[in-house]
């Protein structure tokens, strides 16, 4: 076993499975129980070895190359088990520390026709990076699954053309160098335009995690969307205007959209449940919890920046 891919979310699982099909990845390491559940849903799970913290001692020592997708927080059992490995991080180019955790979803949601992917070589602490290669992936007309195919092909191309390099000398510091901000949310923002709302829902099409919103205080997923009127105004954003056999017409911040395949935890919702006048996206308790999460994110970001400054300058602020 020489090439290992680290699985920590749906994006990393999808790309790892595709690279396994092309022979570039020979095993995966799942960083926790949640990542393990995601990987088990992958078509490659039945034929590709998945290593966890319970792996026999020394099994990871022979790994030569580790692929990271974005900047996951790495556990000591993983960083300390592969002393000779060359670590390569795959990230959306130009995003620096604020990389999108799922570049394909980010590009589709924000109507980007292409995404630039960088491969960066570093140690397991992600310090002292050096560029390996870069490619631009065309996502025109692609859905999420097709986007993963295109990115996997691009990564394989860059990886195989990259020159060999000795393993990074830096050792794990015990503190993961990961910016504690994701920047992505699969929750629909109804206050934007009809075009934007449609992109938000369509971008998640084909993902295990669909775009979602609240209805009557409960989360529901949205499977499809299309623009009905691009710029009309009306009631508050998220309000259901009328029902049709193929879904419900909903007011956006500007314009209206038709949404379909609305599901709750039990299953598909009937059109009789999507009554005109009901409003998507409202949950007061969740809004309060979301506000507290944002405050906590800001606190962690400040702590991360202070720690990075201390590492760089050699003294605390």
Protein backbone atom coordinates (compact mmCIF):
# COMPACT_ATOMS: atom_id res chain seq x y z
CA UNK A 1 0.00 0.00 0.00
CA UNK A 2 1.65 3.24 -1.13
CA UNK A 3 -1.15 5.77 -1.77
CA UNK A 4 -3.71 6.67 0.86
CA UNK A 5 -6.63 9.11 0.70
CA UNK A 6 -8.08 10.69 3.85
CA UNK A 7 -11.88 10.62 4.00
CA UNK A 8 -13.58 13.15 6.27
CA UNK A 9 -16.72 14.26 4.41
CA UNK A 10 -18.88 13.60 1.32
CA UNK A 11 -16.54 15.50 -0.99
CA UNK A 12 -13.43 13.55 0.03
CA UNK A 13 -15.35 10.25 -0.10
CA UNK A 14 -16.65 10.90 -3.62
CA UNK A 15 -13.25 11.89 -5.02
CA UNK A 16 -11.44 9.05 -3.23
CA UNK A 17 -13.82 6.48 -4.73
CA UNK A 18 -13.21 7.81 -8.23
CA UNK A 19 -9.43 7.87 -7.82
CA UNK A 20 -9.62 4.30 -6.57
CA UNK A 21 -11.34 3.35 -9.84
CA UNK A 22 -8.41 4.85 -11.77
CA UNK A 23 -5.84 3.08 -9.59
CA UNK A 24 -4.43 6.23 -8.04
CA UNK A 25 -5.70 5.46 -4.52
CA UNK A 26 -5.09 2.07 -2.93
CA UNK A 27 -6.70 2.61 0.48
CA UNK A 28 -8.50 5.25 2.52
CA UNK A 29 -8.24 6.41 6.11
CA UNK A 30 -11.49 7.51 7.74
CA UNK A 31 -10.78 10.04 10.46
CA UNK A 32 -13.80 9.38 12.69
CA UNK A 33 -17.12 7.52 13.01
CA UNK A 34 -19.05 10.10 10.96
CA UNK A 35 -16.57 9.81 8.11
CA UNK A 36 -16.89 6.03 8.33
CA UNK A 37 -20.66 6.23 7.84
CA UNK A 38 -20.19 8.46 4.81
CA UNK A 39 -17.61 6.11 3.30
CA UNK A 40 -19.84 3.06 3.78
CA UNK A 41 -22.35 4.66 1.37
CA UNK A 42 -19.68 4.82 -1.34
CA UNK A 43 -19.67 2.29 -4.15
CA UNK A 44 -15.95 1.74 -3.53
CA UNK A 45 -16.40 0.83 0.14
CA UNK A 46 -16.84 -2.88 -0.58
CA UNK A 47 -13.56 -3.23 -2.51
CA UNK A 48 -11.22 -0.65 -0.97
CA UNK A 49 -9.58 -1.05 2.42
CA UNK A 50 -10.64 1.58 4.95
CA UNK A 51 -8.23 2.17 7.82
CA UNK A 52 -9.28 3.60 11.17
CA UNK A 53 -7.69 4.31 14.52
CA UNK A 54 -8.09 0.60 15.24
CA UNK A 55 -5.73 -0.38 12.39
CA UNK A 56 -2.86 -2.68 13.46
CA UNK A 57 0.24 -0.84 14.59
CA UNK A 58 2.68 -0.31 11.75
CA UNK A 59 0.16 -0.87 8.95
CA UNK A 60 0.34 2.78 7.90
CA UNK A 61 4.12 3.01 8.12
CA UNK A 62 4.61 1.92 4.50
CA UNK A 63 2.40 4.65 3.06
CA UNK A 64 4.35 6.84 0.62
CA UNK A 65 1.73 9.42 -0.37
CA UNK A 66 -1.26 10.82 1.55
CA UNK A 67 -3.96 12.84 -0.20
CA UNK A 68 -5.87 15.42 1.85
CA UNK A 69 -9.03 17.10 0.57
CA UNK A 70 -9.24 20.62 1.94
CA UNK A 71 -7.97 21.05 5.50
CA UNK A 72 -9.51 18.48 7.82
CA UNK A 73 -8.50 18.34 11.46
CA UNK A 74 -6.13 15.37 11.59
CA UNK A 75 -5.99 13.08 14.61
CA UNK A 76 -2.58 12.18 16.11
CA UNK A 77 -3.10 8.48 15.30
CA UNK A 78 -3.08 9.44 11.62
CA UNK A 79 -0.32 12.04 11.51
CA UNK A 80 2.01 10.02 13.72
CA UNK A 81 1.61 6.72 11.86
CA UNK A 82 3.18 7.67 8.50
CA UNK A 83 6.58 9.24 9.18
CA UNK A 84 7.90 8.65 5.65
CA UNK A 85 4.84 9.85 3.74
CA UNK A 86 4.61 12.79 1.38
CA UNK A 87 1.44 14.73 2.20
CA UNK A 88 -0.43 16.39 -0.66
CA UNK A 89 -3.34 18.75 -0.03
CA UNK A 90 -5.94 19.25 -2.77
CA UNK A 91 -7.76 22.59 -2.56
CA UNK A 92 -9.58 25.14 -4.67
CA UNK A 93 -6.97 27.49 -6.12
CA UNK A 94 -6.97 31.10 -4.99
CA UNK A 95 -8.89 30.46 -1.78
CA UNK A 96 -5.77 30.28 0.45
CA UNK A 97 -6.72 29.55 4.05
CA UNK A 98 -10.43 30.03 3.36
CA UNK A 99 -10.71 27.10 1.00
CA UNK A 100 -14.12 25.74 0.11
CA UNK A 101 -14.47 22.35 1.75
CA UNK A 102 -16.38 21.12 -1.32
CA UNK A 103 -15.19 23.04 -4.42
CA UNK A 104 -17.68 21.33 -6.75
CA UNK A 105 -20.70 22.28 -4.65
CA UNK A 106 -19.27 25.77 -4.13
CA UNK A 107 -18.79 26.29 -7.88
CA UNK A 108 -22.23 24.99 -8.84
CA UNK A 109 -23.99 26.97 -6.11
CA UNK A 110 -22.29 30.22 -7.15
CA UNK A 111 -22.69 29.60 -10.89
CA UNK A 112 -18.97 29.21 -11.56
CA UNK A 113 -18.35 27.43 -14.86
CA UNK A 114 -14.95 26.19 -13.83
CA UNK A 115 -12.88 25.61 -10.72
CA UNK A 116 -9.11 25.70 -10.39
CA UNK A 117 -7.64 22.90 -8.33
CA UNK A 118 -4.21 23.07 -6.70
CA UNK A 119 -2.08 20.24 -5.35
CA UNK A 120 0.21 21.37 -2.52
CA UNK A 121 2.93 19.26 -0.91
CA UNK A 122 3.54 19.71 2.81
CA UNK A 123 4.02 17.83 6.04
CA UNK A 124 1.12 16.47 8.11
CA UNK A 125 1.02 19.78 10.01
CA UNK A 126 0.34 21.53 6.64
CA UNK A 127 3.29 23.89 7.14
CA UNK A 128 6.07 24.72 4.65
CA UNK A 129 3.85 24.08 1.60
CA UNK A 130 5.19 23.86 -1.95
CA UNK A 131 3.16 23.74 -5.14
CA UNK A 132 2.88 20.41 -6.94
CA UNK A 133 0.64 21.41 -9.80
CA UNK A 134 -2.59 23.09 -10.82
CA UNK A 135 -5.41 22.48 -13.28
CA UNK A 136 -8.65 24.11 -14.34
CA UNK A 137 -11.73 21.89 -14.41
CA UNK A 138 -14.64 22.79 -16.69
CA UNK A 139 -18.02 22.28 -14.98
CA UNK A 140 -20.23 23.66 -17.76
CA UNK A 141 -23.50 21.73 -17.79
CA UNK A 142 -22.36 19.36 -15.04
CA UNK A 143 -24.36 18.22 -12.03
CA UNK A 144 -22.65 17.33 -8.76
CA UNK A 145 -21.71 13.75 -9.68
CA UNK A 146 -20.40 14.79 -13.10
CA UNK A 147 -18.44 17.56 -11.38
CA UNK A 148 -16.77 15.00 -9.10
CA UNK A 149 -15.84 12.95 -12.19
CA UNK A 150 -14.25 16.00 -13.83
CA UNK A 151 -12.31 17.01 -10.72
CA UNK A 152 -11.07 13.46 -10.12
CA UNK A 153 -9.79 13.30 -13.71
CA UNK A 154 -8.06 16.65 -13.27
CA UNK A 155 -6.45 15.64 -9.99
CA UNK A 156 -5.21 12.37 -11.47
CA UNK A 157 -3.73 14.24 -14.42
CA UNK A 158 -1.82 16.71 -12.23
CA UNK A 159 -0.74 14.06 -9.76
CA UNK A 160 0.72 11.79 -12.40
CA UNK A 161 2.56 14.65 -14.11
CA UNK A 162 4.00 16.01 -10.86
CA UNK A 163 7.72 15.46 -10.22
CA UNK A 164 8.70 13.19 -7.36
CA UNK A 165 9.80 14.88 -4.15
CA UNK A 166 11.24 13.71 -0.84
CA UNK A 167 8.88 13.51 2.12
CA UNK A 168 8.35 16.69 4.08
CA UNK A 169 10.59 16.99 7.13
CA UNK A 170 8.20 18.85 9.40
CA UNK A 171 6.65 16.85 12.22
CA UNK A 172 3.12 17.06 13.54
CA UNK A 173 2.72 19.74 16.18
CA UNK A 174 -0.26 18.23 17.95
CA UNK A 175 -2.49 21.10 16.86
CA UNK A 176 -4.26 20.77 13.50
CA UNK A 177 -3.57 23.73 11.22
CA UNK A 178 -7.12 24.08 10.01
CA UNK A 179 -9.09 27.28 9.77
CA UNK A 180 -12.33 26.68 11.72
CA UNK A 181 -14.59 28.12 9.05
CA UNK A 182 -16.36 26.16 6.38
CA UNK A 183 -18.00 28.97 4.40
CA UNK A 184 -20.52 26.54 2.87
CA UNK A 185 -24.09 25.89 3.92
CA UNK A 186 -26.56 23.62 2.18
CA UNK A 187 -29.39 25.60 3.75
CA UNK A 188 -31.30 27.63 1.15
CA UNK A 189 -31.21 31.41 1.42
CA UNK A 190 -34.65 32.50 0.22
CA UNK A 191 -33.81 36.22 0.39
CA UNK A 192 -31.64 36.00 -2.74
CA UNK A 193 -32.86 36.08 -6.35
CA UNK A 194 -34.85 33.30 -7.99
CA UNK A 195 -31.77 32.46 -10.06
CA UNK A 196 -29.62 32.14 -6.94
CA UNK A 197 -32.18 30.02 -5.07
CA UNK A 198 -32.43 27.71 -8.08
CA UNK A 199 -28.63 27.35 -8.22
CA UNK A 200 -28.44 26.60 -4.49
CA UNK A 201 -30.88 23.70 -4.86
CA UNK A 202 -29.57 22.38 -8.17
CA UNK A 203 -25.95 22.50 -6.95
CA UNK A 204 -26.74 19.93 -4.28
CA UNK A 205 -28.50 17.62 -6.74
CA UNK A 206 -26.75 14.27 -6.68
CA UNK A 207 -25.12 14.85 -3.29
CA UNK A 208 -25.93 12.60 -0.34
CA UNK A 209 -26.76 15.85 1.50
CA UNK A 210 -29.44 17.77 -0.39
CA UNK A 211 -30.24 21.46 -0.12
CA UNK A 212 -32.56 22.01 2.84
CA UNK A 213 -34.74 24.53 4.61
CA UNK A 214 -37.32 24.70 7.39
CA UNK A 215 -41.08 24.25 7.11
CA UNK A 216 -43.30 24.49 10.18
CA UNK A 217 -40.19 24.32 12.36
CA UNK A 218 -38.90 21.06 10.86
CA UNK A 219 -36.05 20.59 8.35
CA UNK A 220 -37.03 19.47 4.84
CA UNK A 221 -34.86 18.70 1.81
CA UNK A 222 -35.46 20.12 -1.67
CA UNK A 223 -34.70 17.92 -4.66
CA UNK A 224 -35.32 20.16 -7.66
CA UNK A 225 -35.94 23.78 -8.66
CA UNK A 226 -36.54 25.96 -11.67
CA UNK A 227 -37.18 29.66 -12.23
CA UNK A 228 -40.82 30.65 -12.77
CA UNK A 229 -40.51 34.45 -12.78
CA UNK A 230 -36.99 35.94 -12.66
CA UNK A 231 -37.73 39.32 -11.08
CA UNK A 232 -41.28 39.51 -9.68
CA UNK A 233 -41.95 40.76 -6.15
CA UNK A 234 -44.57 39.64 -3.67
CA UNK A 235 -44.89 38.34 -0.10
CA UNK A 236 -41.96 37.64 2.21
CA UNK A 237 -39.18 35.48 0.78
CA UNK A 238 -39.86 31.77 1.26
CA UNK A 239 -43.66 32.11 1.12
CA UNK A 240 -45.51 29.39 -0.82
CA UNK A 241 -47.66 31.13 -3.45
CA UNK A 242 -49.44 28.17 -5.05
CA UNK A 243 -49.16 24.45 -5.60
CA UNK A 244 -48.81 22.61 -8.89
CA UNK A 245 -48.75 18.91 -9.75
CA UNK A 246 -44.96 19.12 -10.07
CA UNK A 247 -44.33 21.06 -6.86
CA UNK A 248 -44.87 24.44 -5.20
CA UNK A 249 -44.19 27.96 -6.46
CA UNK A 250 -42.27 29.92 -3.84
CA UNK A 251 -41.43 33.61 -3.55
CA UNK A 252 -37.72 34.42 -3.51
CA UNK A 253 -36.14 37.75 -2.63
CA UNK A 254 -36.65 38.69 -6.26
CA UNK A 255 -38.62 36.39 -8.54
CA UNK A 256 -40.33 33.05 -7.95
CA UNK A 257 -39.16 29.45 -8.20
CA UNK A 258 -40.85 26.10 -8.57
CA UNK A 259 -39.50 23.54 -6.10
CA UNK A 260 -40.09 19.80 -6.23
CA UNK A 261 -39.35 16.57 -4.38
CA UNK A 262 -39.75 18.14 -0.95
CA UNK A 263 -39.04 15.58 1.76
CA UNK A 264 -38.98 15.48 5.54
CA UNK A 265 -37.49 12.80 7.79
CA UNK A 266 -40.35 10.42 6.95
CA UNK A 267 -40.55 10.81 3.19
CA UNK A 268 -41.96 12.98 0.37
CA UNK A 269 -44.42 15.70 1.37
CA UNK A 270 -47.79 15.79 -0.37
CA UNK A 271 -48.87 18.94 -2.15
CA UNK A 272 -51.67 19.27 0.40
CA UNK A 273 -48.96 19.84 3.03
CA UNK A 274 -47.40 22.66 0.97
CA UNK A 275 -50.29 25.06 1.46
CA UNK A 276 -50.19 28.61 0.02
CA UNK A 277 -49.24 31.08 2.71
CA UNK A 278 -46.84 28.78 4.55
CA UNK A 279 -43.29 30.06 4.62
CA UNK A 280 -40.06 28.13 4.14
CA UNK A 281 -36.96 28.95 6.13
CA UNK A 282 -38.42 30.10 9.46
CA UNK A 283 -37.34 28.45 12.70
CA UNK A 284 -36.80 30.83 15.60
CA UNK A 285 -34.98 28.39 17.87
CA UNK A 286 -32.62 27.38 15.09
CA UNK A 287 -31.92 31.05 14.33
CA UNK A 288 -30.82 31.53 17.94
CA UNK A 289 -28.66 28.40 17.84
CA UNK A 290 -27.17 29.52 14.52
CA UNK A 291 -26.27 32.89 16.02
CA UNK A 292 -24.46 31.20 18.91
CA UNK A 293 -22.62 28.93 16.47
CA UNK A 294 -21.47 31.96 14.50
CA UNK A 295 -20.19 33.58 17.69
CA UNK A 296 -18.33 30.38 18.57
CA UNK A 297 -16.86 30.24 15.04
CA UNK A 298 -15.58 33.79 15.42
CA UNK A 299 -14.02 32.97 18.78
CA UNK A 300 -12.26 29.91 17.34
CA UNK A 301 -11.07 31.95 14.36
CA UNK A 302 -9.50 34.56 16.63
CA UNK A 303 -7.83 31.80 18.65
CA UNK A 304 -6.51 30.21 15.46
CA UNK A 305 -5.13 33.51 14.16
CA UNK A 306 -3.43 34.23 17.48
CA UNK A 307 -1.88 30.76 17.53
CA UNK A 308 -0.66 31.13 13.93
CA UNK A 309 0.85 34.51 14.78
CA UNK A 310 2.63 33.00 17.77
CA UNK A 311 4.04 30.15 15.62
CA UNK A 312 5.20 32.57 12.92
CA UNK A 313 6.74 35.23 15.18
CA UNK A 314 7.91 32.97 17.99
CA UNK A 315 6.22 34.93 20.74
CA UNK A 316 2.66 35.46 21.97
CA UNK A 317 0.81 38.68 21.22
